[in-house]
C-alpha atoms as a PDB file:
ATOM      1  CA  UNK A   1      48.143 -88.351  61.396  1.00  0.00           C
ATOM      2  CA  UNK A   2      45.687 -88.087  58.543  1.00  0.00           C
ATOM      3  CA  UNK A   3      47.400 -85.406  56.433  1.00  0.00           C
ATOM      4  CA  UNK A   4      50.937 -85.806  55.183  1.00  0.00           C
ATOM      5  CA  UNK A   5      53.426 -83.359  56.686  1.00  0.00           C
ATOM      6  CA  UNK A   6      57.089 -83.244  55.687  1.00  0.00           C
ATOM      7  CA  UNK A   7      58.729 -83.550  59.083  1.00  0.00           C
ATOM      8  CA  UNK A   8      62.289 -83.341  60.363  1.00  0.00           C
ATOM      9  CA  UNK A   9      62.225 -87.140  60.438  1.00  0.00           C
ATOM     10  CA  UNK A  10      61.467 -87.302  56.705  1.00  0.00           C
ATOM     11  CA  UNK A  11      64.282 -84.879  55.936  1.00  0.00           C
ATOM     12  CA  UNK A  12      66.728 -86.965  57.969  1.00  0.00           C
ATOM     13  CA  UNK A  13      65.590 -90.186  56.267  1.00  0.00           C
ATOM     14  CA  UNK A  14      66.050 -88.687  52.809  1.00  0.00           C
ATOM     15  CA  UNK A  15      69.706 -87.928  53.566  1.00  0.00           C
ATOM     16  CA  UNK A  16      70.546 -91.612  54.073  1.00  0.00           C
ATOM     17  CA  UNK A  17      72.387 -93.028  51.079  1.00  0.00           C
ATOM     18  CA  UNK A  18      73.673 -96.469  52.007  1.00  0.00           C
ATOM     19  CA  UNK A  19      71.965 -99.623  50.767  1.00  0.00           C
ATOM     20  CA  UNK A  20      70.675-100.737  54.175  1.00  0.00           C
ATOM     21  CA  UNK A  21      68.943 -98.122  56.304  1.00  0.00           C
ATOM     22  CA  UNK A  22      68.483 -99.016  59.967  1.00  0.00           C
ATOM     23  CA  UNK A  23      65.958 -96.688  61.594  1.00  0.00           C
ATOM     24  CA  UNK A  24      65.716 -96.754  65.379  1.00  0.00           C
ATOM     25  CA  UNK A  25      63.041 -94.858  67.259  1.00  0.00           C
ATOM     26  CA  UNK A  26      60.474 -94.894  69.995  1.00  0.00           C
ATOM     27  CA  UNK A  27      56.769 -94.158  70.158  1.00  0.00           C
ATOM     28  CA  UNK A  28      55.536 -91.420  67.803  1.00  0.00           C
ATOM     29  CA  UNK A  29      58.932 -90.934  66.146  1.00  0.00           C
ATOM     30  CA  UNK A  30      57.182 -91.366  62.793  1.00  0.00           C
ATOM     31  CA  UNK A  31      59.454 -94.162  61.548  1.00  0.00           C
ATOM     32  CA  UNK A  32      56.954 -96.349  59.727  1.00  0.00           C
ATOM     33  CA  UNK A  33      54.754 -93.531  58.458  1.00  0.00           C
ATOM     34  CA  UNK A  34      57.697 -91.632  57.023  1.00  0.00           C
ATOM     35  CA  UNK A  35      59.365 -94.668  55.430  1.00  0.00           C
ATOM     36  CA  UNK A  36      56.052 -95.484  53.760  1.00  0.00           C
ATOM     37  CA  UNK A  37      55.859 -91.931  52.426  1.00  0.00           C
ATOM     38  CA  UNK A  38      59.318 -92.430  50.917  1.00  0.00           C
ATOM     39  CA  UNK A  39      58.192 -95.772  49.469  1.00  0.00           C
ATOM     40  CA  UNK A  40      55.320 -94.025  47.690  1.00  0.00           C
ATOM     41  CA  UNK A  41      57.735 -91.501  46.198  1.00  0.00           C
ATOM     42  CA  UNK A  42      60.097 -94.281  45.073  1.00  0.00           C
ATOM     43  CA  UNK A  43      57.176 -96.159  43.513  1.00  0.00           C
ATOM     44  CA  UNK A  44      55.987 -93.113  41.586  1.00  0.00           C
ATOM     45  CA  UNK A  45      59.458 -92.400  40.180  1.00  0.00           C
ATOM     46  CA  UNK A  46      60.538 -95.943  39.229  1.00  0.00           C
ATOM     47  CA  UNK A  47      58.478 -97.809  36.598  1.00  0.00           C
ATOM     48  CA  UNK A  48      58.115-101.584  36.879  1.00  0.00           C
ATOM     49  CA  UNK A  49      59.632-101.705  40.355  1.00  0.00           C
ATOM     50  CA  UNK A  50      58.833-104.643  42.626  1.00  0.00           C
ATOM     51  CA  UNK A  51      58.556-103.404  46.214  1.00  0.00           C
ATOM     52  CA  UNK A  52      57.829-105.357  49.396  1.00  0.00           C
ATOM     53  CA  UNK A  53      56.789-104.219  52.873  1.00  0.00           C
ATOM     54  CA  UNK A  54      57.103-106.953  55.499  1.00  0.00           C
ATOM     55  CA  UNK A  55      55.847-107.182  59.079  1.00  0.00           C
ATOM     56  CA  UNK A  56      55.781-110.023  61.601  1.00  0.00           C
ATOM     57  CA  UNK A  57      52.208-111.089  60.762  1.00  0.00           C
ATOM     58  CA  UNK A  58      49.472-110.143  58.307  1.00  0.00           C
ATOM     59  CA  UNK A  59      47.440-108.450  61.088  1.00  0.00           C
ATOM     60  CA  UNK A  60      50.572-106.463  62.012  1.00  0.00           C
ATOM     61  CA  UNK A  61      51.087-105.262  58.455  1.00  0.00           C
ATOM     62  CA  UNK A  62      47.390-104.335  58.147  1.00  0.00           C
ATOM     63  CA  UNK A  63      47.270-102.147  61.264  1.00  0.00           C
ATOM     64  CA  UNK A  64      50.728-100.678  60.684  1.00  0.00           C
ATOM     65  CA  UNK A  65      52.402-100.066  57.340  1.00  0.00           C
ATOM     66  CA  UNK A  66      49.379-100.803  55.144  1.00  0.00           C
ATOM     67  CA  UNK A  67      47.150 -98.492  57.183  1.00  0.00           C
ATOM     68  CA  UNK A  68      49.752 -95.724  56.869  1.00  0.00           C
ATOM     69  CA  UNK A  69      50.074 -96.369  53.132  1.00  0.00           C
ATOM     70  CA  UNK A  70      46.335 -95.989  52.580  1.00  0.00           C
ATOM     71  CA  UNK A  71      46.224 -92.865  54.752  1.00  0.00           C
ATOM     72  CA  UNK A  72      49.023 -91.115  52.853  1.00  0.00           C
ATOM     73  CA  UNK A  73      47.727 -92.171  49.437  1.00  0.00           C
ATOM     74  CA  UNK A  74      44.236 -90.877  50.249  1.00  0.00           C
ATOM     75  CA  UNK A  75      45.368 -87.620  51.854  1.00  0.00           C
ATOM     76  CA  UNK A  76      47.522 -86.858  48.795  1.00  0.00           C
ATOM     77  CA  UNK A  77      44.752 -87.863  46.340  1.00  0.00           C
ATOM     78  CA  UNK A  78      46.727 -90.778  44.890  1.00  0.00           C
ATOM     79  CA  UNK A  79      44.551 -93.693  46.019  1.00  0.00           C
ATOM     80  CA  UNK A  80      42.627 -95.586  43.329  1.00  0.00           C
ATOM     81  CA  UNK A  81      40.605 -98.502  44.657  1.00  0.00           C
ATOM     82  CA  UNK A  82      40.764-100.344  41.342  1.00  0.00           C
ATOM     83  CA  UNK A  83      44.564-100.514  41.607  1.00  0.00           C
ATOM     84  CA  UNK A  84      44.466-102.286  44.955  1.00  0.00           C
ATOM     85  CA  UNK A  85      44.247-106.073  45.198  1.00  0.00           C
ATOM     86  CA  UNK A  86      42.817-106.427  48.702  1.00  0.00           C
ATOM     87  CA  UNK A  87      43.194-110.225  48.766  1.00  0.00           C
ATOM     88  CA  UNK A  88      46.958-110.155  48.240  1.00  0.00           C
ATOM     89  CA  UNK A  89      47.470-106.628  49.647  1.00  0.00           C
ATOM     90  CA  UNK A  90      49.223-105.398  46.476  1.00  0.00           C
ATOM     91  CA  UNK A  91      48.891-101.871  45.122  1.00  0.00           C
ATOM     92  CA  UNK A  92      49.829-101.275  41.473  1.00  0.00           C
ATOM     93  CA  UNK A  93      50.801 -97.751  40.438  1.00  0.00           C
ATOM     94  CA  UNK A  94      50.069 -96.296  36.985  1.00  0.00           C
ATOM     95  CA  UNK A  95      53.707 -96.963  35.998  1.00  0.00           C
ATOM     96  CA  UNK A  96      53.270-100.688  36.802  1.00  0.00           C
ATOM     97  CA  UNK A  97      55.312-100.541  40.004  1.00  0.00           C
ATOM     98  CA  UNK A  98      53.818-102.725  42.748  1.00  0.00           C
ATOM     99  CA  UNK A  99      53.997-102.605  46.527  1.00  0.00           C
ATOM    100  CA  UNK A 100      53.184-105.866  48.291  1.00  0.00           C
ATOM    101  CA  UNK A 101      52.301-105.740  52.020  1.00  0.00           C
ATOM    102  CA  UNK A 102      52.963-109.154  53.513  1.00  0.00           C
ATOM    103  CA  UNK A 103      54.444-111.414  56.202  1.00  0.00           C
ATOM    104  CA  UNK A 104      56.391-114.672  56.031  1.00  0.00           C
ATOM    105  CA  UNK A 105      55.961-117.606  58.384  1.00  0.00           C
ATOM    106  CA  UNK A 106      59.471-118.922  57.814  1.00  0.00           C
ATOM    107  CA  UNK A 107      62.633-118.732  55.725  1.00  0.00           C
ATOM    108  CA  UNK A 108      61.242-121.020  53.013  1.00  0.00           C
ATOM    109  CA  UNK A 109      58.196-118.785  52.476  1.00  0.00           C
ATOM    110  CA  UNK A 110      60.462-115.755  52.228  1.00  0.00           C
ATOM    111  CA  UNK A 111      62.652-117.547  49.682  1.00  0.00           C
ATOM    112  CA  UNK A 112      59.639-118.625  47.604  1.00  0.00           C
ATOM    113  CA  UNK A 113      58.502-114.996  47.369  1.00  0.00           C
ATOM    114  CA  UNK A 114      61.345-114.363  44.956  1.00  0.00           C
ATOM    115  CA  UNK A 115      63.349-111.236  44.237  1.00  0.00           C
ATOM    116  CA  UNK A 116      62.487-107.562  44.520  1.00  0.00           C
ATOM    117  CA  UNK A 117      63.910-104.112  43.851  1.00  0.00           C
ATOM    118  CA  UNK A 118      63.085-102.443  47.189  1.00  0.00           C
ATOM    119  CA  UNK A 119      62.344-103.719  50.708  1.00  0.00           C
ATOM    120  CA  UNK A 120      61.000-102.364  53.990  1.00  0.00           C
ATOM    121  CA  UNK A 121      61.083-104.636  57.044  1.00  0.00           C
ATOM    122  CA  UNK A 122      58.798-103.087  59.644  1.00  0.00           C
ATOM    123  CA  UNK A 123      59.718-103.804  63.280  1.00  0.00           C
ATOM    124  CA  UNK A 124      62.625-106.009  62.225  1.00  0.00           C
ATOM    125  CA  UNK A 125      63.232-107.001  65.863  1.00  0.00           C
ATOM    126  CA  UNK A 126      60.039-109.110  65.695  1.00  0.00           C
ATOM    127  CA  UNK A 127      61.146-110.978  62.587  1.00  0.00           C
ATOM    128  CA  UNK A 128      63.673-113.809  62.678  1.00  0.00           C
ATOM    129  CA  UNK A 129      67.232-113.411  61.477  1.00  0.00           C
ATOM    130  CA  UNK A 130      66.827-116.202  58.901  1.00  0.00           C
ATOM    131  CA  UNK A 131      63.760-114.589  57.304  1.00  0.00           C
ATOM    132  CA  UNK A 132      65.405-111.172  57.291  1.00  0.00           C
ATOM    133  CA  UNK A 133      68.620-112.482  55.773  1.00  0.00           C
ATOM    134  CA  UNK A 134      66.679-114.343  53.065  1.00  0.00           C
ATOM    135  CA  UNK A 135      64.821-111.141  52.164  1.00  0.00           C
ATOM    136  CA  UNK A 136      67.979-109.013  52.136  1.00  0.00           C
ATOM    137  CA  UNK A 137      69.892-111.306  49.790  1.00  0.00           C
ATOM    138  CA  UNK A 138      66.940-111.278  47.350  1.00  0.00           C
ATOM    139  CA  UNK A 139      66.666-107.481  47.206  1.00  0.00           C
ATOM    140  CA  UNK A 140      68.682-105.661  44.561  1.00  0.00           C
ATOM    141  CA  UNK A 141      68.082-102.094  45.752  1.00  0.00           C
ATOM    142  CA  UNK A 142      67.440-100.180  48.957  1.00  0.00           C
ATOM    143  CA  UNK A 143      66.553-101.984  52.173  1.00  0.00           C
ATOM    144  CA  UNK A 144      64.837-100.141  55.010  1.00  0.00           C
ATOM    145  CA  UNK A 145      64.313-101.630  58.439  1.00  0.00           C
ATOM    146  CA  UNK A 146      62.897-100.000  61.532  1.00  0.00           C
ATOM    147  CA  UNK A 147      62.427-100.977  65.153  1.00  0.00           C
ATOM    148  CA  UNK A 148      61.753 -99.683  68.634  1.00  0.00           C
ATOM    149  CA  UNK A 149      64.943-100.146  70.710  1.00  0.00           C
ATOM    150  CA  UNK A 150      63.401-102.133  73.552  1.00  0.00           C
ATOM    151  CA  UNK A 151      66.232-104.692  73.759  1.00  0.00           C
ATOM    152  CA  UNK A 152      69.461-105.566  71.996  1.00  0.00           C
ATOM    153  CA  UNK A 153      69.052-108.113  69.174  1.00  0.00           C
ATOM    154  CA  UNK A 154      70.960-109.623  66.257  1.00  0.00           C
ATOM    155  CA  UNK A 155      70.801-106.547  63.979  1.00  0.00           C
ATOM    156  CA  UNK A 156      72.799-104.585  66.559  1.00  0.00           C
ATOM    157  CA  UNK A 157      75.551-107.210  66.524  1.00  0.00           C
ATOM    158  CA  UNK A 158      75.624-108.117  62.833  1.00  0.00           C
ATOM    159  CA  UNK A 159      74.451-105.117  60.785  1.00  0.00           C
ATOM    160  CA  UNK A 160      74.880-101.921  62.782  1.00  0.00           C
ATOM    161  CA  UNK A 161      78.161-100.272  61.814  1.00  0.00           C
ATOM    162  CA  UNK A 162      78.726-102.168  58.552  1.00  0.00           C
ATOM    163  CA  UNK A 163      80.063-100.155  55.604  1.00  0.00           C
ATOM    164  CA  UNK A 164      76.782-100.454  53.686  1.00  0.00           C
ATOM    165  CA  UNK A 165      74.490 -99.641  56.642  1.00  0.00           C
ATOM    166  CA  UNK A 166      73.217 -96.197  57.668  1.00  0.00           C
ATOM    167  CA  UNK A 167      71.866 -96.063  61.222  1.00  0.00           C
ATOM    168  CA  UNK A 168      69.514 -93.248  62.213  1.00  0.00           C
ATOM    169  CA  UNK A 169      67.919 -92.637  65.595  1.00  0.00           C
ATOM    170  CA  UNK A 170      64.632 -90.721  65.589  1.00  0.00           C
ATOM    171  CA  UNK A 171      62.568 -89.422  68.511  1.00  0.00           C
ATOM    172  CA  UNK A 172      59.136 -87.868  68.803  1.00  0.00           C
ATOM    173  CA  UNK A 173      60.848 -84.465  68.625  1.00  0.00           C
ATOM    174  CA  UNK A 174      61.649 -85.218  64.951  1.00  0.00           C
ATOM    175  CA  UNK A 175      57.928 -85.573  64.227  1.00  0.00           C
ATOM    176  CA  UNK A 176      56.180 -82.222  63.858  1.00  0.00           C
ATOM    177  CA  UNK A 177      53.006 -84.057  62.818  1.00  0.00           C
ATOM    178  CA  UNK A 178      52.373 -85.109  66.427  1.00  0.00           C
ATOM    179  CA  UNK A 179      48.970 -84.171  67.838  1.00  0.00           C
ATOM    180  CA  UNK A 180      49.383 -81.518  70.543  1.00  0.00           C
ATOM    181  CA  UNK A 181      47.843 -83.800  73.175  1.00  0.00           C
ATOM    182  CA  UNK A 182      50.441 -86.510  72.508  1.00  0.00           C
ATOM    183  CA  UNK A 183      53.311 -83.996  72.446  1.00  0.00           C
ATOM    184  CA  UNK A 184      52.273 -82.635  75.860  1.00  0.00           C
ATOM    185  CA  UNK A 185      52.069 -86.148  77.309  1.00  0.00           C
ATOM    186  CA  UNK A 186      55.483 -87.184  75.962  1.00  0.00           C
ATOM    187  CA  UNK A 187      57.080 -83.976  77.226  1.00  0.00           C
ATOM    188  CA  UNK A 188      55.461 -84.574  80.638  1.00  0.00           C
ATOM    189  CA  UNK A 189      56.983 -88.069  80.735  1.00  0.00           C
ATOM    190  CA  UNK A 190      60.348 -86.657  79.720  1.00  0.00           C
ATOM    191  CA  UNK A 191      60.242 -84.312  82.733  1.00  0.00           C
ATOM    192  CA  UNK A 192      59.201 -87.153  85.060  1.00  0.00           C
ATOM    193  CA  UNK A 193      62.167 -89.212  83.838  1.00  0.00           C
ATOM    194  CA  UNK A 194      64.566 -86.665  85.341  1.00  0.00           C
ATOM    195  CA  UNK A 195      63.570 -87.690  88.866  1.00  0.00           C
ATOM    196  CA  UNK A 196      61.982 -91.144  88.454  1.00  0.00           C
ATOM    197  CA  UNK A 197      63.579 -94.514  87.769  1.00  0.00           C
ATOM    198  CA  UNK A 198      60.274 -95.770  86.350  1.00  0.00           C
ATOM    199  CA  UNK A 199      59.987 -93.058  83.687  1.00  0.00           C
END
């Protein structure tokens, strides 16, 4: 997915208006990529914003959200190398808004990171409840979290269904940016699932 395409998934995400946005989806649903595209738009429109994107580990954030961020910024001609602090993984926009791509080892590290205006917790099911809660309470604006629904976890019991939580389920069929080869394979698996317990 090198070029940005406004997909059905993006349109659905943009309709969410509650403070916490819980995005559930499987492989190739476009969750992370599309949330990052929204983050870029938010950054461009809000001067002096402090934004944070969190994953389980630094390697996870580098191969996931940060990779998508760089891809979208470059494909839309908005990437300026001099604005990127590679050591701390912080990009500073012309309007002084920053996006920090990071991970926290524990609750104390998350607390020490301070407050922010906007938050995206990537694959929240891999991050502890204590870290997540610490980040949420220190975020004044929108909070996005995504995950692949492989097993029930604490978010399902404690956040899903709250008054200030939007929950959206996305599938690969919401992602028109899918390569044809991947779309054919996923559709083939969908057909197999009709007659196979494995699929």
